[in-house]
Amino acid sequence: MADARTDRIGRVMGNEGRYVPLRPPQGGKEWDVPPEALREPTPEEALHAKVTVANGRWGR
């Protein structure tokens, strides 16, 4: 999902109360997003996230 406030892409890590925690695709610190600020990533954003994860697996 994407945080419409910042355009950051993240994996949904569950649902805690009034917020949805997202974590960067390559790992890292989660941040909380109000449900109304979530949006689907664009195809370009989704591809970029997948490439970032793949590069991390290969040490690039």
PDB file of N, CA and C in Angstrom:
ATOM      1  N   MET A   1       0.843  -1.166   0.000  1.00  0.00           N
ATOM      2  CA  MET A   1       0.000   0.000   0.000  1.00  0.00           C
ATOM      3  C   MET A   1       0.893   1.235   0.000  1.00  0.00           C
ATOM      4  N   ALA A   2       0.290   2.355  -0.274  1.00  0.00           N
ATOM      5  CA  ALA A   2       1.023   3.611  -0.293  1.00  0.00           C
ATOM      6  C   ALA A   2       0.398   4.573   0.716  1.00  0.00           C
ATOM      7  N   ASP A   3       1.256   5.352   1.346  1.00  0.00           N
ATOM      8  CA  ASP A   3       0.826   6.402   2.256  1.00  0.00           C
ATOM      9  C   ASP A   3       0.602   7.648   1.401  1.00  0.00           C
ATOM     10  N   ALA A   4      -0.650   8.037   1.230  1.00  0.00           N
ATOM     11  CA  ALA A   4      -0.979   9.169   0.357  1.00  0.00           C
ATOM     12  C   ALA A   4      -0.406  10.482   0.881  1.00  0.00           C
ATOM     13  N   ARG A   5      -0.081  10.546   2.169  1.00  0.00           N
ATOM     14  CA  ARG A   5       0.463  11.786   2.740  1.00  0.00           C
ATOM     15  C   ARG A   5       1.902  12.007   2.314  1.00  0.00           C
ATOM     16  N   THR A   6       2.652  10.908   2.164  1.00  0.00           N
ATOM     17  CA  THR A   6       4.092  11.019   1.876  1.00  0.00           C
ATOM     18  C   THR A   6       4.501  10.310   0.588  1.00  0.00           C
ATOM     19  N   ASP A   7       3.583   9.538   0.004  1.00  0.00           N
ATOM     20  CA  ASP A   7       3.847   8.712  -1.178  1.00  0.00           C
ATOM     21  C   ASP A   7       4.852   7.599  -0.903  1.00  0.00           C
ATOM     22  N   ARG A   8       5.066   7.255   0.353  1.00  0.00           N
ATOM     23  CA  ARG A   8       5.928   6.118   0.693  1.00  0.00           C
ATOM     24  C   ARG A   8       5.148   4.822   0.492  1.00  0.00           C
ATOM     25  N   ILE A   9       5.855   3.797   0.041  1.00  0.00           N
ATOM     26  CA  ILE A   9       5.275   2.475  -0.177  1.00  0.00           C
ATOM     27  C   ILE A   9       5.640   1.597   1.013  1.00  0.00           C
ATOM     28  N   GLY A  10       4.691   0.761   1.441  1.00  0.00           N
ATOM     29  CA  GLY A  10       4.974  -0.132   2.550  1.00  0.00           C
ATOM     30  C   GLY A  10       4.083  -1.356   2.531  1.00  0.00           C
ATOM     31  N   ARG A  11       4.541  -2.352   3.274  1.00  0.00           N
ATOM     32  CA  ARG A  11       3.746  -3.572   3.466  1.00  0.00           C
ATOM     33  C   ARG A  11       2.867  -3.371   4.688  1.00  0.00           C
ATOM     34  N   VAL A  12       1.623  -3.762   4.579  1.00  0.00           N
ATOM     35  CA  VAL A  12       0.713  -3.688   5.717  1.00  0.00           C
ATOM     36  C   VAL A  12       1.124  -4.748   6.719  1.00  0.00           C
ATOM     37  N   MET A  13       1.323  -4.323   7.966  1.00  0.00           N
ATOM     38  CA  MET A  13       1.800  -5.234   8.997  1.00  0.00           C
ATOM     39  C   MET A  13       0.707  -5.633   9.982  1.00  0.00           C
ATOM     40  N   GLY A  14      -0.522  -5.300   9.675  1.00  0.00           N
ATOM     41  CA  GLY A  14      -1.632  -5.636  10.554  1.00  0.00           C
ATOM     42  C   GLY A  14      -2.562  -4.449  10.662  1.00  0.00           C
ATOM     43  N   ASN A  15      -3.311  -4.422  11.741  1.00  0.00           N
ATOM     44  CA  ASN A  15      -4.225  -3.317  11.971  1.00  0.00           C
ATOM     45  C   ASN A  15      -4.274  -3.084  13.470  1.00  0.00           C
ATOM     46  N   GLU A  16      -3.739  -1.967  13.910  1.00  0.00           N
ATOM     47  CA  GLU A  16      -3.684  -1.674  15.341  1.00  0.00           C
ATOM     48  C   GLU A  16      -4.533  -0.456  15.647  1.00  0.00           C
ATOM     49  N   GLY A  17      -5.731  -0.702  16.122  1.00  0.00           N
ATOM     50  CA  GLY A  17      -6.590   0.402  16.505  1.00  0.00           C
ATOM     51  C   GLY A  17      -6.987   1.271  15.328  1.00  0.00           C
ATOM     52  N   ARG A  18      -6.743   2.567  15.458  1.00  0.00           N
ATOM     53  CA  ARG A  18      -7.173   3.530  14.451  1.00  0.00           C
ATOM     54  C   ARG A  18      -6.187   3.677  13.302  1.00  0.00           C
ATOM     55  N   TYR A  19      -5.031   3.022  13.368  1.00  0.00           N
ATOM     56  CA  TYR A  19      -3.997   3.195  12.352  1.00  0.00           C
ATOM     57  C   TYR A  19      -3.608   1.860  11.729  1.00  0.00           C
ATOM     58  N   VAL A  20      -3.039   1.931  10.527  1.00  0.00           N
ATOM     59  CA  VAL A  20      -2.524   0.747   9.840  1.00  0.00           C
ATOM     60  C   VAL A  20      -1.008   0.892   9.783  1.00  0.00           C
ATOM     61  N   PRO A  21      -0.277  -0.039  10.408  1.00  0.00           N
ATOM     62  CA  PRO A  21       1.183   0.059  10.352  1.00  0.00           C
ATOM     63  C   PRO A  21       1.722  -0.433   9.004  1.00  0.00           C
ATOM     64  N   LEU A  22       2.606   0.354   8.415  1.00  0.00           N
ATOM     65  CA  LEU A  22       3.289  -0.025   7.187  1.00  0.00           C
ATOM     66  C   LEU A  22       4.775  -0.151   7.469  1.00  0.00           C
ATOM     67  N   ARG A  23       5.425  -1.065   6.754  1.00  0.00           N
ATOM     68  CA  ARG A  23       6.870  -1.242   6.859  1.00  0.00           C
ATOM     69  C   ARG A  23       7.448  -1.139   5.454  1.00  0.00           C
ATOM     70  N   PRO A  24       8.577  -0.445   5.289  1.00  0.00           N
ATOM     71  CA  PRO A  24       9.186  -0.358   3.957  1.00  0.00           C
ATOM     72  C   PRO A  24       9.409  -1.756   3.375  1.00  0.00           C
ATOM     73  N   PRO A  25       9.276  -1.914   2.059  1.00  0.00           N
ATOM     74  CA  PRO A  25       9.406  -3.246   1.446  1.00  0.00           C
ATOM     75  C   PRO A  25      10.741  -3.922   1.737  1.00  0.00           C
ATOM     76  N   GLN A  26      11.818  -3.153   1.853  1.00  0.00           N
ATOM     77  CA  GLN A  26      13.135  -3.733   2.107  1.00  0.00           C
ATOM     78  C   GLN A  26      13.399  -3.929   3.597  1.00  0.00           C
ATOM     79  N   GLY A  27      12.395  -3.632   4.429  1.00  0.00           N
ATOM     80  CA  GLY A  27      12.538  -3.749   5.874  1.00  0.00           C
ATOM     81  C   GLY A  27      12.820  -2.395   6.480  1.00  0.00           C
ATOM     82  N   GLY A  28      12.776  -2.345   7.778  1.00  0.00           N
ATOM     83  CA  GLY A  28      13.020  -1.085   8.465  1.00  0.00           C
ATOM     84  C   GLY A  28      11.913  -0.772   9.443  1.00  0.00           C
ATOM     85  N   LYS A  29      11.928   0.440   9.912  1.00  0.00           N
ATOM     86  CA  LYS A  29      10.995   0.875  10.946  1.00  0.00           C
ATOM     87  C   LYS A  29       9.600   1.111  10.364  1.00  0.00           C
ATOM     88  N   GLU A  30       8.604   0.605  11.071  1.00  0.00           N
ATOM     89  CA  GLU A  30       7.218   0.802  10.676  1.00  0.00           C
ATOM     90  C   GLU A  30       6.779   2.229  10.974  1.00  0.00           C
ATOM     91  N   TRP A  31       5.750   2.661  10.246  1.00  0.00           N
ATOM     92  CA  TRP A  31       5.107   3.927  10.566  1.00  0.00           C
ATOM     93  C   TRP A  31       3.608   3.716  10.467  1.00  0.00           C
ATOM     94  N   ASP A  32       2.867   4.528  11.197  1.00  0.00           N
ATOM     95  CA  ASP A  32       1.415   4.397  11.258  1.00  0.00           C
ATOM     96  C   ASP A  32       0.739   5.330  10.269  1.00  0.00           C
ATOM     97  N   VAL A  33      -0.289   4.797   9.617  1.00  0.00           N
ATOM     98  CA  VAL A  33      -1.030   5.549   8.611  1.00  0.00           C
ATOM     99  C   VAL A  33      -2.518   5.449   8.941  1.00  0.00           C
ATOM    100  N   PRO A  34      -3.220   6.576   8.960  1.00  0.00           N
ATOM    101  CA  PRO A  34      -4.671   6.473   9.119  1.00  0.00           C
ATOM    102  C   PRO A  34      -5.275   5.779   7.893  1.00  0.00           C
ATOM    103  N   PRO A  35      -6.289   4.964   8.087  1.00  0.00           N
ATOM    104  CA  PRO A  35      -6.858   4.214   6.959  1.00  0.00           C
ATOM    105  C   PRO A  35      -7.272   5.098   5.780  1.00  0.00           C
ATOM    106  N   GLU A  36      -7.747   6.289   6.053  1.00  0.00           N
ATOM    107  CA  GLU A  36      -8.181   7.166   4.957  1.00  0.00           C
ATOM    108  C   GLU A  36      -7.014   7.706   4.135  1.00  0.00           C
ATOM    109  N   ALA A  37      -5.774   7.545   4.630  1.00  0.00           N
ATOM    110  CA  ALA A  37      -4.593   8.011   3.903  1.00  0.00           C
ATOM    111  C   ALA A  37      -3.925   6.894   3.107  1.00  0.00           C
ATOM    112  N   LEU A  38      -4.496   5.692   3.118  1.00  0.00           N
ATOM    113  CA  LEU A  38      -3.938   4.586   2.337  1.00  0.00           C
ATOM    114  C   LEU A  38      -4.461   4.636   0.911  1.00  0.00           C
ATOM    115  N   ARG A  39      -3.608   4.242  -0.012  1.00  0.00           N
ATOM    116  CA  ARG A  39      -4.017   4.123  -1.408  1.00  0.00           C
ATOM    117  C   ARG A  39      -3.240   2.989  -2.041  1.00  0.00           C
ATOM    118  N   GLU A  40      -3.748   2.508  -3.161  1.00  0.00           N
ATOM    119  CA  GLU A  40      -3.030   1.494  -3.927  1.00  0.00           C
ATOM    120  C   GLU A  40      -1.811   2.159  -4.576  1.00  0.00           C
ATOM    121  N   PRO A  41      -0.683   1.481  -4.609  1.00  0.00           N
ATOM    122  CA  PRO A  41       0.470   2.064  -5.310  1.00  0.00           C
ATOM    123  C   PRO A  41       0.245   2.056  -6.817  1.00  0.00           C
ATOM    124  N   THR A  42       0.869   3.000  -7.482  1.00  0.00           N
ATOM    125  CA  THR A  42       0.814   3.004  -8.944  1.00  0.00           C
ATOM    126  C   THR A  42       1.626   1.812  -9.447  1.00  0.00           C
ATOM    127  N   PRO A  43       1.431   1.395 -10.685  1.00  0.00           N
ATOM    128  CA  PRO A  43       2.250   0.300 -11.212  1.00  0.00           C
ATOM    129  C   PRO A  43       3.754   0.605 -11.117  1.00  0.00           C
ATOM    130  N   GLU A  44       4.125   1.845 -11.343  1.00  0.00           N
ATOM    131  CA  GLU A  44       5.541   2.222 -11.265  1.00  0.00           C
ATOM    132  C   GLU A  44       6.063   2.099  -9.834  1.00  0.00           C
ATOM    133  N   GLU A  45       5.270   2.535  -8.857  1.00  0.00           N
ATOM    134  CA  GLU A  45       5.678   2.431  -7.454  1.00  0.00           C
ATOM    135  C   GLU A  45       5.801   0.974  -7.038  1.00  0.00           C
ATOM    136  N   ALA A  46       4.862   0.154  -7.464  1.00  0.00           N
ATOM    137  CA  ALA A  46       4.898  -1.274  -7.119  1.00  0.00           C
ATOM    138  C   ALA A  46       6.135  -1.943  -7.713  1.00  0.00           C
ATOM    139  N   LEU A  47       6.444  -1.632  -8.963  1.00  0.00           N
ATOM    140  CA  LEU A  47       7.631  -2.201  -9.600  1.00  0.00           C
ATOM    141  C   LEU A  47       8.897  -1.740  -8.885  1.00  0.00           C
ATOM    142  N   HIS A  48       8.976  -0.478  -8.551  1.00  0.00           N
ATOM    143  CA  HIS A  48      10.148   0.049  -7.841  1.00  0.00           C
ATOM    144  C   HIS A  48      10.343  -0.671  -6.511  1.00  0.00           C
ATOM    145  N   ALA A  49       9.250  -0.911  -5.784  1.00  0.00           N
ATOM    146  CA  ALA A  49       9.339  -1.625  -4.504  1.00  0.00           C
ATOM    147  C   ALA A  49       9.841  -3.051  -4.717  1.00  0.00           C
ATOM    148  N   LYS A  50       9.357  -3.724  -5.748  1.00  0.00           N
ATOM    149  CA  LYS A  50       9.791  -5.098  -6.026  1.00  0.00           C
ATOM    150  C   LYS A  50      11.264  -5.149  -6.411  1.00  0.00           C
ATOM    151  N   VAL A  51      11.713  -4.192  -7.186  1.00  0.00           N
ATOM    152  CA  VAL A  51      13.127  -4.139  -7.580  1.00  0.00           C
ATOM    153  C   VAL A  51      14.001  -3.865  -6.357  1.00  0.00           C
ATOM    154  N   THR A  52      13.556  -2.984  -5.471  1.00  0.00           N
ATOM    155  CA  THR A  52      14.312  -2.682  -4.254  1.00  0.00           C
ATOM    156  C   THR A  52      14.488  -3.926  -3.402  1.00  0.00           C
ATOM    157  N   VAL A  53      13.419  -4.703  -3.250  1.00  0.00           N
ATOM    158  CA  VAL A  53      13.490  -5.943  -2.465  1.00  0.00           C
ATOM    159  C   VAL A  53      14.428  -6.936  -3.141  1.00  0.00           C
ATOM    160  N   ALA A  54      14.307  -7.103  -4.458  1.00  0.00           N
ATOM    161  CA  ALA A  54      15.167  -8.048  -5.181  1.00  0.00           C
ATOM    162  C   ALA A  54      16.628  -7.637  -5.083  1.00  0.00           C
ATOM    163  N   ASN A  55      16.912  -6.365  -5.224  1.00  0.00           N
ATOM    164  CA  ASN A  55      18.292  -5.904  -5.111  1.00  0.00           C
ATOM    165  C   ASN A  55      18.855  -6.158  -3.718  1.00  0.00           C
ATOM    166  N   GLY A  56      18.013  -6.015  -2.704  1.00  0.00           N
ATOM    167  CA  GLY A  56      18.451  -6.301  -1.345  1.00  0.00           C
ATOM    168  C   GLY A  56      18.833  -7.754  -1.152  1.00  0.00           C
ATOM    169  N   ARG A  57      18.134  -8.641  -1.835  1.00  0.00           N
ATOM    170  CA  ARG A  57      18.452 -10.076  -1.739  1.00  0.00           C
ATOM    171  C   ARG A  57      19.785 -10.398  -2.403  1.00  0.00           C
ATOM    172  N   TRP A  58      20.132  -9.626  -3.407  1.00  0.00           N
ATOM    173  CA  TRP A  58      21.359  -9.875  -4.150  1.00  0.00           C
ATOM    174  C   TRP A  58      22.516  -8.999  -3.679  1.00  0.00           C
ATOM    175  N   GLY A  59      22.281  -8.218  -2.626  1.00  0.00           N
ATOM    176  CA  GLY A  59      23.366  -7.404  -2.069  1.00  0.00           C
ATOM    177  C   GLY A  59      23.730  -6.193  -2.908  1.00  0.00           C
ATOM    178  N   ARG A  60      22.776  -5.649  -3.621  1.00  0.00           N
ATOM    179  CA  ARG A  60      23.057  -4.474  -4.449  1.00  0.00           C
ATOM    180  C   ARG A  60      22.532  -3.225  -3.817  1.00  0.00           C
TER     181      ARG A  60
END
